[in-house]
Amino acid sequence: MTQGFSTAYEALKQAREKHSQSLAAKTAEERDVSLRSAFYQIYTAASLANACYIATSSFHSGFEGGLANWANGELEDYLKIAYKSHYINGEYPKQTADREFELWLKRCKDYIDLLREKASNGR
């Protein structure tokens, strides 16, 4: 099942590409669209990783208070902040947008890595 996590990593790669496009944008509107798309890809990566983790048989044994609850709580942050606030509403910090992107990108990679590790260890 850990092979399925490659789709989550691919979404992170797409987020990085969108961010690069934002840096090369010629207008503020183009930058905004690219940055918002980058945050969407971060949300997508987290969501895909969560789905891969849930698809493991070990997920059900840990549902009562273990990593599964933490993983779902973490995914809720991606939904509320990266997706709804930053992507849908465009409410990311404009003056520090690149820093915000890098923070979310790292947080998401760490999240994917942890879920992949737990899935491969059968936890």
PDB file of N, CA and C in Angstrom:
ATOM      1  N   MET A   1       0.811  -1.201   0.000  1.00  0.00           N
ATOM      2  CA  MET A   1       0.000   0.000   0.000  1.00  0.00           C
ATOM      3  C   MET A   1       0.856   1.266   0.000  1.00  0.00           C
ATOM      4  N   THR A   2       2.087   1.165   0.490  1.00  0.00           N
ATOM      5  CA  THR A   2       2.913   2.368   0.524  1.00  0.00           C
ATOM      6  C   THR A   2       3.175   2.916  -0.871  1.00  0.00           C
ATOM      7  N   GLN A   3       3.049   2.085  -1.895  1.00  0.00           N
ATOM      8  CA  GLN A   3       3.229   2.549  -3.260  1.00  0.00           C
ATOM      9  C   GLN A   3       2.175   3.594  -3.613  1.00  0.00           C
ATOM     10  N   GLY A   4       0.981   3.490  -3.047  1.00  0.00           N
ATOM     11  CA  GLY A   4      -0.075   4.455  -3.296  1.00  0.00           C
ATOM     12  C   GLY A   4       0.254   5.857  -2.815  1.00  0.00           C
ATOM     13  N   PHE A   5       1.197   5.949  -1.904  1.00  0.00           N
ATOM     14  CA  PHE A   5       1.593   7.262  -1.401  1.00  0.00           C
ATOM     15  C   PHE A   5       2.312   8.096  -2.465  1.00  0.00           C
ATOM     16  N   SER A   6       2.741   7.464  -3.537  1.00  0.00           N
ATOM     17  CA  SER A   6       3.433   8.208  -4.601  1.00  0.00           C
ATOM     18  C   SER A   6       2.535   9.288  -5.193  1.00  0.00           C
ATOM     19  N   THR A   7       1.233   9.069  -5.189  1.00  0.00           N
ATOM     20  CA  THR A   7       0.316  10.098  -5.704  1.00  0.00           C
ATOM     21  C   THR A   7       0.319  11.330  -4.804  1.00  0.00           C
ATOM     22  N   ALA A   8       0.475  11.119  -3.518  1.00  0.00           N
ATOM     23  CA  ALA A   8       0.545  12.248  -2.583  1.00  0.00           C
ATOM     24  C   ALA A   8       1.838  13.034  -2.809  1.00  0.00           C
ATOM     25  N   TYR A   9       2.934  12.316  -2.991  1.00  0.00           N
ATOM     26  CA  TYR A   9       4.205  12.996  -3.265  1.00  0.00           C
ATOM     27  C   TYR A   9       4.158  13.737  -4.604  1.00  0.00           C
ATOM     28  N   GLU A  10       3.465  13.174  -5.573  1.00  0.00           N
ATOM     29  CA  GLU A  10       3.315  13.845  -6.868  1.00  0.00           C
ATOM     30  C   GLU A  10       2.528  15.147  -6.708  1.00  0.00           C
ATOM     31  N   ALA A  11       1.518  15.145  -5.854  1.00  0.00           N
ATOM     32  CA  ALA A  11       0.756  16.371  -5.596  1.00  0.00           C
ATOM     33  C   ALA A  11       1.644  17.436  -4.952  1.00  0.00           C
ATOM     34  N   LEU A  12       2.571  17.016  -4.085  1.00  0.00           N
ATOM     35  CA  LEU A  12       3.524  17.974  -3.505  1.00  0.00           C
ATOM     36  C   LEU A  12       4.424  18.566  -4.588  1.00  0.00           C
ATOM     37  N   LYS A  13       4.833  17.727  -5.521  1.00  0.00           N
ATOM     38  CA  LYS A  13       5.650  18.205  -6.642  1.00  0.00           C
ATOM     39  C   LYS A  13       4.866  19.246  -7.457  1.00  0.00           C
ATOM     40  N   GLN A  14       3.599  18.977  -7.667  1.00  0.00           N
ATOM     41  CA  GLN A  14       2.756  19.929  -8.399  1.00  0.00           C
ATOM     42  C   GLN A  14       2.587  21.227  -7.617  1.00  0.00           C
ATOM     43  N   ALA A  15       2.511  21.122  -6.294  1.00  0.00           N
ATOM     44  CA  ALA A  15       2.428  22.328  -5.455  1.00  0.00           C
ATOM     45  C   ALA A  15       3.678  23.173  -5.645  1.00  0.00           C
ATOM     46  N   ARG A  16       4.828  22.529  -5.656  1.00  0.00           N
ATOM     47  CA  ARG A  16       6.096  23.243  -5.855  1.00  0.00           C
ATOM     48  C   ARG A  16       6.109  23.920  -7.235  1.00  0.00           C
ATOM     49  N   GLU A  17       5.608  23.237  -8.253  1.00  0.00           N
ATOM     50  CA  GLU A  17       5.561  23.813  -9.603  1.00  0.00           C
ATOM     51  C   GLU A  17       4.643  25.041  -9.641  1.00  0.00           C
ATOM     52  N   LYS A  18       3.504  24.949  -8.970  1.00  0.00           N
ATOM     53  CA  LYS A  18       2.583  26.093  -8.920  1.00  0.00           C
ATOM     54  C   LYS A  18       3.226  27.272  -8.195  1.00  0.00           C
ATOM     55  N   HIS A  19       3.956  26.963  -7.136  1.00  0.00           N
ATOM     56  CA  HIS A  19       4.637  28.028  -6.408  1.00  0.00           C
ATOM     57  C   HIS A  19       5.690  28.682  -7.302  1.00  0.00           C
ATOM     58  N   SER A  20       6.432  27.884  -8.043  1.00  0.00           N
ATOM     59  CA  SER A  20       7.427  28.430  -8.978  1.00  0.00           C
ATOM     60  C   SER A  20       6.763  29.326 -10.016  1.00  0.00           C
ATOM     61  N   GLN A  21       5.589  28.918 -10.483  1.00  0.00           N
ATOM     62  CA  GLN A  21       4.844  29.744 -11.437  1.00  0.00           C
ATOM     63  C   GLN A  21       4.452  31.074 -10.799  1.00  0.00           C
ATOM     64  N   SER A  22       4.129  31.043  -9.518  1.00  0.00           N
ATOM     65  CA  SER A  22       3.740  32.282  -8.837  1.00  0.00           C
ATOM     66  C   SER A  22       4.916  33.253  -8.762  1.00  0.00           C
ATOM     67  N   LEU A  23       6.113  32.710  -8.603  1.00  0.00           N
ATOM     68  CA  LEU A  23       7.305  33.553  -8.529  1.00  0.00           C
ATOM     69  C   LEU A  23       7.617  34.208  -9.875  1.00  0.00           C
ATOM     70  N   ALA A  24       7.219  33.555 -10.949  1.00  0.00           N
ATOM     71  CA  ALA A  24       7.474  34.078 -12.292  1.00  0.00           C
ATOM     72  C   ALA A  24       6.294  34.885 -12.845  1.00  0.00           C
ATOM     73  N   ALA A  25       5.234  35.000 -12.058  1.00  0.00           N
ATOM     74  CA  ALA A  25       4.026  35.698 -12.531  1.00  0.00           C
ATOM     75  C   ALA A  25       4.320  37.154 -12.856  1.00  0.00           C
ATOM     76  N   LYS A  26       3.659  37.634 -13.878  1.00  0.00           N
ATOM     77  CA  LYS A  26       3.853  39.016 -14.317  1.00  0.00           C
ATOM     78  C   LYS A  26       2.879  39.984 -13.648  1.00  0.00           C
ATOM     79  N   THR A  27       1.779  39.458 -13.116  1.00  0.00           N
ATOM     80  CA  THR A  27       0.802  40.313 -12.457  1.00  0.00           C
ATOM     81  C   THR A  27       0.457  39.746 -11.083  1.00  0.00           C
ATOM     82  N   ALA A  28      -0.093  40.597 -10.245  1.00  0.00           N
ATOM     83  CA  ALA A  28      -0.519  40.163  -8.909  1.00  0.00           C
ATOM     84  C   ALA A  28      -1.619  39.113  -9.020  1.00  0.00           C
ATOM     85  N   GLU A  29      -2.483  39.261 -10.002  1.00  0.00           N
ATOM     86  CA  GLU A  29      -3.569  38.295 -10.190  1.00  0.00           C
ATOM     87  C   GLU A  29      -3.020  36.921 -10.577  1.00  0.00           C
ATOM     88  N   GLU A  30      -2.047  36.895 -11.487  1.00  0.00           N
ATOM     89  CA  GLU A  30      -1.433  35.624 -11.876  1.00  0.00           C
ATOM     90  C   GLU A  30      -0.736  34.976 -10.675  1.00  0.00           C
ATOM     91  N   ARG A  31      -0.065  35.778  -9.875  1.00  0.00           N
ATOM     92  CA  ARG A  31       0.616  35.263  -8.684  1.00  0.00           C
ATOM     93  C   ARG A  31      -0.399  34.668  -7.712  1.00  0.00           C
ATOM     94  N   ASP A  32      -1.487  35.383  -7.500  1.00  0.00           N
ATOM     95  CA  ASP A  32      -2.520  34.905  -6.587  1.00  0.00           C
ATOM     96  C   ASP A  32      -3.102  33.574  -7.050  1.00  0.00           C
ATOM     97  N   VAL A  33      -3.419  33.485  -8.324  1.00  0.00           N
ATOM     98  CA  VAL A  33      -3.996  32.240  -8.863  1.00  0.00           C
ATOM     99  C   VAL A  33      -3.016  31.080  -8.677  1.00  0.00           C
ATOM    100  N   SER A  34      -1.746  31.306  -8.980  1.00  0.00           N
ATOM    101  CA  SER A  34      -0.746  30.244  -8.842  1.00  0.00           C
ATOM    102  C   SER A  34      -0.531  29.851  -7.386  1.00  0.00           C
ATOM    103  N   LEU A  35      -0.466  30.827  -6.496  1.00  0.00           N
ATOM    104  CA  LEU A  35      -0.296  30.519  -5.073  1.00  0.00           C
ATOM    105  C   LEU A  35      -1.494  29.756  -4.522  1.00  0.00           C
ATOM    106  N   ARG A  36      -2.669  30.191  -4.884  1.00  0.00           N
ATOM    107  CA  ARG A  36      -3.862  29.492  -4.413  1.00  0.00           C
ATOM    108  C   ARG A  36      -3.880  28.059  -4.933  1.00  0.00           C
ATOM    109  N   SER A  37      -3.470  27.871  -6.172  1.00  0.00           N
ATOM    110  CA  SER A  37      -3.382  26.516  -6.729  1.00  0.00           C
ATOM    111  C   SER A  37      -2.340  25.681  -5.997  1.00  0.00           C
ATOM    112  N   ALA A  38      -1.244  26.308  -5.584  1.00  0.00           N
ATOM    113  CA  ALA A  38      -0.215  25.601  -4.827  1.00  0.00           C
ATOM    114  C   ALA A  38      -0.774  25.114  -3.487  1.00  0.00           C
ATOM    115  N   PHE A  39      -1.533  25.955  -2.813  1.00  0.00           N
ATOM    116  CA  PHE A  39      -2.142  25.540  -1.543  1.00  0.00           C
ATOM    117  C   PHE A  39      -3.164  24.430  -1.763  1.00  0.00           C
ATOM    118  N   TYR A  40      -3.871  24.484  -2.879  1.00  0.00           N
ATOM    119  CA  TYR A  40      -4.816  23.408  -3.207  1.00  0.00           C
ATOM    120  C   TYR A  40      -4.066  22.078  -3.367  1.00  0.00           C
ATOM    121  N   GLN A  41      -2.923  22.112  -4.033  1.00  0.00           N
ATOM    122  CA  GLN A  41      -2.150  20.889  -4.221  1.00  0.00           C
ATOM    123  C   GLN A  41      -1.622  20.346  -2.895  1.00  0.00           C
ATOM    124  N   ILE A  42      -1.300  21.228  -1.980  1.00  0.00           N
ATOM    125  CA  ILE A  42      -0.878  20.776  -0.644  1.00  0.00           C
ATOM    126  C   ILE A  42      -2.037  20.064   0.048  1.00  0.00           C
ATOM    127  N   TYR A  43      -3.213  20.652  -0.012  1.00  0.00           N
ATOM    128  CA  TYR A  43      -4.394  19.990   0.561  1.00  0.00           C
ATOM    129  C   TYR A  43      -4.621  18.631  -0.112  1.00  0.00           C
ATOM    130  N   THR A  44      -4.508  18.603  -1.427  1.00  0.00           N
ATOM    131  CA  THR A  44      -4.705  17.362  -2.173  1.00  0.00           C
ATOM    132  C   THR A  44      -3.708  16.295  -1.726  1.00  0.00           C
ATOM    133  N   ALA A  45      -2.461  16.674  -1.563  1.00  0.00           N
ATOM    134  CA  ALA A  45      -1.431  15.727  -1.123  1.00  0.00           C
ATOM    135  C   ALA A  45      -1.777  15.142   0.243  1.00  0.00           C
ATOM    136  N   ALA A  46      -2.189  15.987   1.167  1.00  0.00           N
ATOM    137  CA  ALA A  46      -2.553  15.509   2.506  1.00  0.00           C
ATOM    138  C   ALA A  46      -3.763  14.587   2.450  1.00  0.00           C
ATOM    139  N   SER A  47      -4.726  14.951   1.642  1.00  0.00           N
ATOM    140  CA  SER A  47      -5.934  14.146   1.506  1.00  0.00           C
ATOM    141  C   SER A  47      -5.628  12.773   0.896  1.00  0.00           C
ATOM    142  N   LEU A  48      -4.787  12.759  -0.117  1.00  0.00           N
ATOM    143  CA  LEU A  48      -4.396  11.490  -0.740  1.00  0.00           C
ATOM    144  C   LEU A  48      -3.634  10.600   0.244  1.00  0.00           C
ATOM    145  N   ALA A  49      -2.727  11.192   1.002  1.00  0.00           N
ATOM    146  CA  ALA A  49      -1.975  10.416   1.993  1.00  0.00           C
ATOM    147  C   ALA A  49      -2.910   9.834   3.048  1.00  0.00           C
ATOM    148  N   ASN A  50      -3.864  10.628   3.475  1.00  0.00           N
ATOM    149  CA  ASN A  50      -4.829  10.161   4.460  1.00  0.00           C
ATOM    150  C   ASN A  50      -5.633   8.987   3.902  1.00  0.00           C
ATOM    151  N   ALA A  51      -6.046   9.094   2.649  1.00  0.00           N
ATOM    152  CA  ALA A  51      -6.810   8.015   2.012  1.00  0.00           C
ATOM    153  C   ALA A  51      -5.974   6.742   1.911  1.00  0.00           C
ATOM    154  N   CYS A  52      -4.696   6.889   1.574  1.00  0.00           N
ATOM    155  CA  CYS A  52      -3.810   5.719   1.507  1.00  0.00           C
ATOM    156  C   CYS A  52      -3.665   5.073   2.871  1.00  0.00           C
ATOM    157  N   TYR A  53      -3.541   5.901   3.890  1.00  0.00           N
ATOM    158  CA  TYR A  53      -3.405   5.362   5.242  1.00  0.00           C
ATOM    159  C   TYR A  53      -4.687   4.636   5.668  1.00  0.00           C
ATOM    160  N   ILE A  54      -5.807   5.247   5.409  1.00  0.00           N
ATOM    161  CA  ILE A  54      -7.091   4.633   5.780  1.00  0.00           C
ATOM    162  C   ILE A  54      -7.299   3.311   5.054  1.00  0.00           C
ATOM    163  N   ALA A  55      -6.780   3.218   3.839  1.00  0.00           N
ATOM    164  CA  ALA A  55      -6.953   1.997   3.047  1.00  0.00           C
ATOM    165  C   ALA A  55      -6.168   0.814   3.607  1.00  0.00           C
ATOM    166  N   THR A  56      -5.251   1.064   4.527  1.00  0.00           N
ATOM    167  CA  THR A  56      -4.495  -0.039   5.114  1.00  0.00           C
ATOM    168  C   THR A  56      -5.367  -0.747   6.136  1.00  0.00           C
ATOM    169  N   SER A  57      -5.177  -2.018   6.252  1.00  0.00           N
ATOM    170  CA  SER A  57      -5.968  -2.787   7.227  1.00  0.00           C
ATOM    171  C   SER A  57      -5.636  -2.381   8.653  1.00  0.00           C
ATOM    172  N   SER A  58      -4.443  -1.864   8.865  1.00  0.00           N
ATOM    173  CA  SER A  58      -4.037  -1.483  10.208  1.00  0.00           C
ATOM    174  C   SER A  58      -4.794  -0.262  10.714  1.00  0.00           C
ATOM    175  N   PHE A  59      -5.378   0.496   9.802  1.00  0.00           N
ATOM    176  CA  PHE A  59      -6.107   1.699  10.196  1.00  0.00           C
ATOM    177  C   PHE A  59      -7.197   1.375  11.195  1.00  0.00           C
ATOM    178  N   HIS A  60      -7.941   0.323  10.947  1.00  0.00           N
ATOM    179  CA  HIS A  60      -9.101   0.018  11.780  1.00  0.00           C
ATOM    180  C   HIS A  60      -8.719  -0.334  13.209  1.00  0.00           C
ATOM    181  N   SER A  61      -7.579  -0.982  13.390  1.00  0.00           N
ATOM    182  CA  SER A  61      -7.171  -1.348  14.749  1.00  0.00           C
ATOM    183  C   SER A  61      -6.718  -0.141  15.556  1.00  0.00           C
ATOM    184  N   GLY A  62      -6.306   0.925  14.904  1.00  0.00           N
ATOM    185  CA  GLY A  62      -5.841   2.102  15.623  1.00  0.00           C
ATOM    186  C   GLY A  62      -6.862   3.218  15.684  1.00  0.00           C
ATOM    187  N   PHE A  63      -8.073   2.951  15.277  1.00  0.00           N
ATOM    188  CA  PHE A  63      -9.077   4.000  15.172  1.00  0.00           C
ATOM    189  C   PHE A  63      -9.442   4.612  16.509  1.00  0.00           C
ATOM    190  N   GLU A  64      -9.416   3.844  17.555  1.00  0.00           N
ATOM    191  CA  GLU A  64      -9.812   4.324  18.870  1.00  0.00           C
ATOM    192  C   GLU A  64      -8.689   5.090  19.552  1.00  0.00           C
ATOM    193  N   GLY A  65      -8.482   6.342  19.194  1.00  0.00           N
ATOM    194  CA  GLY A  65      -7.557   7.204  19.907  1.00  0.00           C
ATOM    195  C   GLY A  65      -6.110   7.157  19.477  1.00  0.00           C
ATOM    196  N   GLY A  66      -5.745   6.350  18.517  1.00  0.00           N
ATOM    197  CA  GLY A  66      -4.354   6.266  18.084  1.00  0.00           C
ATOM    198  C   GLY A  66      -4.036   7.269  17.000  1.00  0.00           C
ATOM    199  N   LEU A  67      -3.147   6.886  16.123  1.00  0.00           N
ATOM    200  CA  LEU A  67      -2.718   7.759  15.037  1.00  0.00           C
ATOM    201  C   LEU A  67      -3.894   8.150  14.151  1.00  0.00           C
ATOM    202  N   ALA A  68      -4.871   7.274  14.012  1.00  0.00           N
ATOM    203  CA  ALA A  68      -5.992   7.565  13.120  1.00  0.00           C
ATOM    204  C   ALA A  68      -6.698   8.851  13.520  1.00  0.00           C
ATOM    205  N   ASN A  69      -6.926   9.043  14.811  1.00  0.00           N
ATOM    206  CA  ASN A  69      -7.574  10.276  15.256  1.00  0.00           C
ATOM    207  C   ASN A  69      -6.675  11.484  15.019  1.00  0.00           C
ATOM    208  N   TRP A  70      -5.377  11.319  15.274  1.00  0.00           N
ATOM    209  CA  TRP A  70      -4.448  12.401  15.015  1.00  0.00           C
ATOM    210  C   TRP A  70      -4.423  12.722  13.530  1.00  0.00           C
ATOM    211  N   ALA A  71      -4.368  11.695  12.689  1.00  0.00           N
ATOM    212  CA  ALA A  71      -4.299  11.905  11.244  1.00  0.00           C
ATOM    213  C   ALA A  71      -5.541  12.639  10.756  1.00  0.00           C
ATOM    214  N   ASN A  72      -6.696  12.287  11.261  1.00  0.00           N
ATOM    215  CA  ASN A  72      -7.919  12.965  10.846  1.00  0.00           C
ATOM    216  C   ASN A  72      -7.949  14.409  11.339  1.00  0.00           C
ATOM    217  N   GLY A  73      -7.441  14.648  12.536  1.00  0.00           N
ATOM    218  CA  GLY A  73      -7.362  16.017  13.050  1.00  0.00           C
ATOM    219  C   GLY A  73      -6.413  16.862  12.226  1.00  0.00           C
ATOM    220  N   GLU A  74      -5.298  16.270  11.845  1.00  0.00           N
ATOM    221  CA  GLU A  74      -4.328  16.969  11.004  1.00  0.00           C
ATOM    222  C   GLU A  74      -4.947  17.278   9.644  1.00  0.00           C
ATOM    223  N   LEU A  75      -5.653  16.311   9.082  1.00  0.00           N
ATOM    224  CA  LEU A  75      -6.301  16.533   7.782  1.00  0.00           C
ATOM    225  C   LEU A  75      -7.321  17.670   7.872  1.00  0.00           C
ATOM    226  N   GLU A  76      -7.979  17.781   8.998  1.00  0.00           N
ATOM    227  CA  GLU A  76      -8.938  18.870   9.182  1.00  0.00           C
ATOM    228  C   GLU A  76      -8.253  20.233   9.102  1.00  0.00           C
ATOM    229  N   ASP A  77      -7.020  20.335   9.607  1.00  0.00           N
ATOM    230  CA  ASP A  77      -6.251  21.582   9.473  1.00  0.00           C
ATOM    231  C   ASP A  77      -5.998  21.903   8.000  1.00  0.00           C
ATOM    232  N   TYR A  78      -5.645  20.889   7.230  1.00  0.00           N
ATOM    233  CA  TYR A  78      -5.416  21.113   5.797  1.00  0.00           C
ATOM    234  C   TYR A  78      -6.699  21.576   5.118  1.00  0.00           C
ATOM    235  N   LEU A  79      -7.817  20.989   5.525  1.00  0.00           N
ATOM    236  CA  LEU A  79      -9.103  21.372   4.950  1.00  0.00           C
ATOM    237  C   LEU A  79      -9.461  22.815   5.309  1.00  0.00           C
ATOM    238  N   LYS A  80      -9.326  23.158   6.580  1.00  0.00           N
ATOM    239  CA  LYS A  80      -9.719  24.499   7.043  1.00  0.00           C
ATOM    240  C   LYS A  80      -8.778  25.591   6.557  1.00  0.00           C
ATOM    241  N   ILE A  81      -7.469  25.317   6.602  1.00  0.00           N
ATOM    242  CA  ILE A  81      -6.506  26.383   6.314  1.00  0.00           C
ATOM    243  C   ILE A  81      -6.025  26.348   4.864  1.00  0.00           C
ATOM    244  N   ALA A  82      -5.358  25.257   4.467  1.00  0.00           N
ATOM    245  CA  ALA A  82      -4.788  25.211   3.109  1.00  0.00           C
ATOM    246  C   ALA A  82      -5.875  25.260   2.039  1.00  0.00           C
ATOM    247  N   TYR A  83      -6.974  24.534   2.263  1.00  0.00           N
ATOM    248  CA  TYR A  83      -8.027  24.479   1.246  1.00  0.00           C
ATOM    249  C   TYR A  83      -8.992  25.664   1.346  1.00  0.00           C
ATOM    250  N   LYS A  84      -9.716  25.747   2.457  1.00  0.00           N
ATOM    251  CA  LYS A  84     -10.768  26.768   2.557  1.00  0.00           C
ATOM    252  C   LYS A  84     -10.222  28.186   2.653  1.00  0.00           C
ATOM    253  N   SER A  85      -9.299  28.409   3.582  1.00  0.00           N
ATOM    254  CA  SER A  85      -8.797  29.763   3.800  1.00  0.00           C
ATOM    255  C   SER A  85      -7.875  30.222   2.679  1.00  0.00           C
ATOM    256  N   HIS A  86      -6.828  29.437   2.417  1.00  0.00           N
ATOM    257  CA  HIS A  86      -5.813  29.880   1.462  1.00  0.00           C
ATOM    258  C   HIS A  86      -6.249  29.709   0.006  1.00  0.00           C
ATOM    259  N   TYR A  87      -6.852  28.551  -0.326  1.00  0.00           N
ATOM    260  CA  TYR A  87      -7.232  28.302  -1.723  1.00  0.00           C
ATOM    261  C   TYR A  87      -8.575  28.950  -2.073  1.00  0.00           C
ATOM    262  N   ILE A  88      -9.619  28.572  -1.388  1.00  0.00           N
ATOM    263  CA  ILE A  88     -10.965  29.052  -1.738  1.00  0.00           C
ATOM    264  C   ILE A  88     -11.095  30.557  -1.508  1.00  0.00           C
ATOM    265  N   ASN A  89     -10.734  31.010  -0.304  1.00  0.00           N
ATOM    266  CA  ASN A  89     -10.946  32.416   0.047  1.00  0.00           C
ATOM    267  C   ASN A  89      -9.765  33.328  -0.282  1.00  0.00           C
ATOM    268  N   GLY A  90      -8.618  32.752  -0.607  1.00  0.00           N
ATOM    269  CA  GLY A  90      -7.438  33.565  -0.903  1.00  0.00           C
ATOM    270  C   GLY A  90      -6.929  34.338   0.296  1.00  0.00           C
ATOM    271  N   GLU A  91      -7.167  33.808   1.489  1.00  0.00           N
ATOM    272  CA  GLU A  91      -6.796  34.490   2.728  1.00  0.00           C
ATOM    273  C   GLU A  91      -5.481  33.962   3.289  1.00  0.00           C
ATOM    274  N   TYR A  92      -4.474  33.917   2.452  1.00  0.00           N
ATOM    275  CA  TYR A  92      -3.133  33.574   2.917  1.00  0.00           C
ATOM    276  C   TYR A  92      -2.402  34.887   3.199  1.00  0.00           C
ATOM    277  N   PRO A  93      -1.379  34.873   4.035  1.00  0.00           N
ATOM    278  CA  PRO A  93      -0.668  36.128   4.346  1.00  0.00           C
ATOM    279  C   PRO A  93       0.097  36.626   3.111  1.00  0.00           C
ATOM    280  N   LYS A  94      -0.373  37.670   2.515  1.00  0.00           N
ATOM    281  CA  LYS A  94       0.185  38.161   1.245  1.00  0.00           C
ATOM    282  C   LYS A  94       1.644  38.597   1.367  1.00  0.00           C
ATOM    283  N   GLN A  95       2.008  39.232   2.465  1.00  0.00           N
ATOM    284  CA  GLN A  95       3.373  39.735   2.626  1.00  0.00           C
ATOM    285  C   GLN A  95       4.384  38.610   2.867  1.00  0.00           C
ATOM    286  N   THR A  96       3.921  37.503   3.386  1.00  0.00           N
ATOM    287  CA  THR A  96       4.813  36.373   3.683  1.00  0.00           C
ATOM    288  C   THR A  96       4.308  35.094   3.010  1.00  0.00           C
ATOM    289  N   ALA A  97       3.746  35.235   1.836  1.00  0.00           N
ATOM    290  CA  ALA A  97       3.127  34.106   1.140  1.00  0.00           C
ATOM    291  C   ALA A  97       4.123  32.986   0.849  1.00  0.00           C
ATOM    292  N   ASP A  98       5.332  33.335   0.438  1.00  0.00           N
ATOM    293  CA  ASP A  98       6.315  32.303   0.111  1.00  0.00           C
ATOM    294  C   ASP A  98       6.718  31.525   1.363  1.00  0.00           C
ATOM    295  N   ARG A  99       6.889  32.222   2.449  1.00  0.00           N
ATOM    296  CA  ARG A  99       7.215  31.557   3.715  1.00  0.00           C
ATOM    297  C   ARG A  99       6.055  30.649   4.150  1.00  0.00           C
ATOM    298  N   GLU A 100       4.848  31.138   4.029  1.00  0.00           N
ATOM    299  CA  GLU A 100       3.661  30.348   4.383  1.00  0.00           C
ATOM    300  C   GLU A 100       3.594  29.081   3.531  1.00  0.00           C
ATOM    301  N   PHE A 101       3.866  29.232   2.251  1.00  0.00           N
ATOM    302  CA  PHE A 101       3.864  28.073   1.359  1.00  0.00           C
ATOM    303  C   PHE A 101       4.901  27.047   1.820  1.00  0.00           C
ATOM    304  N   GLU A 102       6.108  27.502   2.082  1.00  0.00           N
ATOM    305  CA  GLU A 102       7.178  26.583   2.493  1.00  0.00           C
ATOM    306  C   GLU A 102       6.839  25.870   3.799  1.00  0.00           C
ATOM    307  N   LEU A 103       6.220  26.574   4.734  1.00  0.00           N
ATOM    308  CA  LEU A 103       5.814  25.953   5.997  1.00  0.00           C
ATOM    309  C   LEU A 103       4.791  24.846   5.762  1.00  0.00           C
ATOM    310  N   TRP A 104       3.796  25.135   4.943  1.00  0.00           N
ATOM    311  CA  TRP A 104       2.761  24.138   4.658  1.00  0.00           C
ATOM    312  C   TRP A 104       3.309  22.978   3.841  1.00  0.00           C
ATOM    313  N   LEU A 105       4.211  23.263   2.922  1.00  0.00           N
ATOM    314  CA  LEU A 105       4.807  22.203   2.112  1.00  0.00           C
ATOM    315  C   LEU A 105       5.592  21.237   3.005  1.00  0.00           C
ATOM    316  N   LYS A 106       6.401  21.767   3.901  1.00  0.00           N
ATOM    317  CA  LYS A 106       7.173  20.915   4.814  1.00  0.00           C
ATOM    318  C   LYS A 106       6.243  20.140   5.752  1.00  0.00           C
ATOM    319  N   ARG A 107       5.257  20.832   6.287  1.00  0.00           N
ATOM    320  CA  ARG A 107       4.315  20.168   7.192  1.00  0.00           C
ATOM    321  C   ARG A 107       3.630  19.006   6.471  1.00  0.00           C
ATOM    322  N   CYS A 108       3.255  19.226   5.232  1.00  0.00           N
ATOM    323  CA  CYS A 108       2.568  18.184   4.479  1.00  0.00           C
ATOM    324  C   CYS A 108       3.504  17.021   4.165  1.00  0.00           C
ATOM    325  N   LYS A 109       4.729  17.314   3.784  1.00  0.00           N
ATOM    326  CA  LYS A 109       5.676  16.230   3.500  1.00  0.00           C
ATOM    327  C   LYS A 109       5.903  15.394   4.759  1.00  0.00           C
ATOM    328  N   ASP A 110       6.059  16.052   5.895  1.00  0.00           N
ATOM    329  CA  ASP A 110       6.236  15.329   7.158  1.00  0.00           C
ATOM    330  C   ASP A 110       5.024  14.454   7.467  1.00  0.00           C
ATOM    331  N   TYR A 111       3.842  14.990   7.194  1.00  0.00           N
ATOM    332  CA  TYR A 111       2.589  14.255   7.414  1.00  0.00           C
ATOM    333  C   TYR A 111       2.541  13.011   6.529  1.00  0.00           C
ATOM    334  N   ILE A 112       2.859  13.174   5.263  1.00  0.00           N
ATOM    335  CA  ILE A 112       2.851  12.046   4.326  1.00  0.00           C
ATOM    336  C   ILE A 112       3.884  11.011   4.756  1.00  0.00           C
ATOM    337  N   ASP A 113       5.078  11.466   5.091  1.00  0.00           N
ATOM    338  CA  ASP A 113       6.136  10.549   5.523  1.00  0.00           C
ATOM    339  C   ASP A 113       5.695   9.724   6.734  1.00  0.00           C
ATOM    340  N   LEU A 114       5.074  10.377   7.695  1.00  0.00           N
ATOM    341  CA  LEU A 114       4.635   9.675   8.900  1.00  0.00           C
ATOM    342  C   LEU A 114       3.549   8.647   8.579  1.00  0.00           C
ATOM    343  N   LEU A 115       2.560   9.052   7.792  1.00  0.00           N
ATOM    344  CA  LEU A 115       1.499   8.107   7.448  1.00  0.00           C
ATOM    345  C   LEU A 115       2.038   6.934   6.638  1.00  0.00           C
ATOM    346  N   ARG A 116       2.949   7.223   5.741  1.00  0.00           N
ATOM    347  CA  ARG A 116       3.538   6.148   4.935  1.00  0.00           C
ATOM    348  C   ARG A 116       4.307   5.177   5.828  1.00  0.00           C
ATOM    349  N   GLU A 117       5.086   5.720   6.765  1.00  0.00           N
ATOM    350  CA  GLU A 117       5.839   4.877   7.678  1.00  0.00           C
ATOM    351  C   GLU A 117       4.906   4.009   8.517  1.00  0.00           C
ATOM    352  N   LYS A 118       3.864   4.614   9.056  1.00  0.00           N
ATOM    353  CA  LYS A 118       2.928   3.850   9.890  1.00  0.00           C
ATOM    354  C   LYS A 118       2.215   2.787   9.069  1.00  0.00           C
ATOM    355  N   ALA A 119       1.866   3.110   7.834  1.00  0.00           N
ATOM    356  CA  ALA A 119       1.195   2.136   6.967  1.00  0.00           C
ATOM    357  C   ALA A 119       2.110   0.969   6.637  1.00  0.00           C
ATOM    358  N   SER A 120       3.385   1.270   6.380  1.00  0.00           N
ATOM    359  CA  SER A 120       4.317   0.198   6.022  1.00  0.00           C
ATOM    360  C   SER A 120       4.690  -0.663   7.219  1.00  0.00           C
ATOM    361  N   ASN A 121       4.588  -0.105   8.420  1.00  0.00           N
ATOM    362  CA  ASN A 121       4.876  -0.875   9.636  1.00  0.00           C
ATOM    363  C   ASN A 121       3.658  -1.607  10.167  1.00  0.00           C
ATOM    364  N   GLY A 122       2.524  -1.431   9.503  1.00  0.00           N
ATOM    365  CA  GLY A 122       1.309  -2.112   9.931  1.00  0.00           C
ATOM    366  C   GLY A 122       0.683  -1.532  11.175  1.00  0.00           C
ATOM    367  N   ARG A 123       0.899  -0.229  11.396  1.00  0.00           N
ATOM    368  CA  ARG A 123       0.338   0.402  12.601  1.00  0.00           C
ATOM    369  C   ARG A 123      -0.853   1.236  12.262  1.00  0.00           C
TER     370      ARG A 123
END
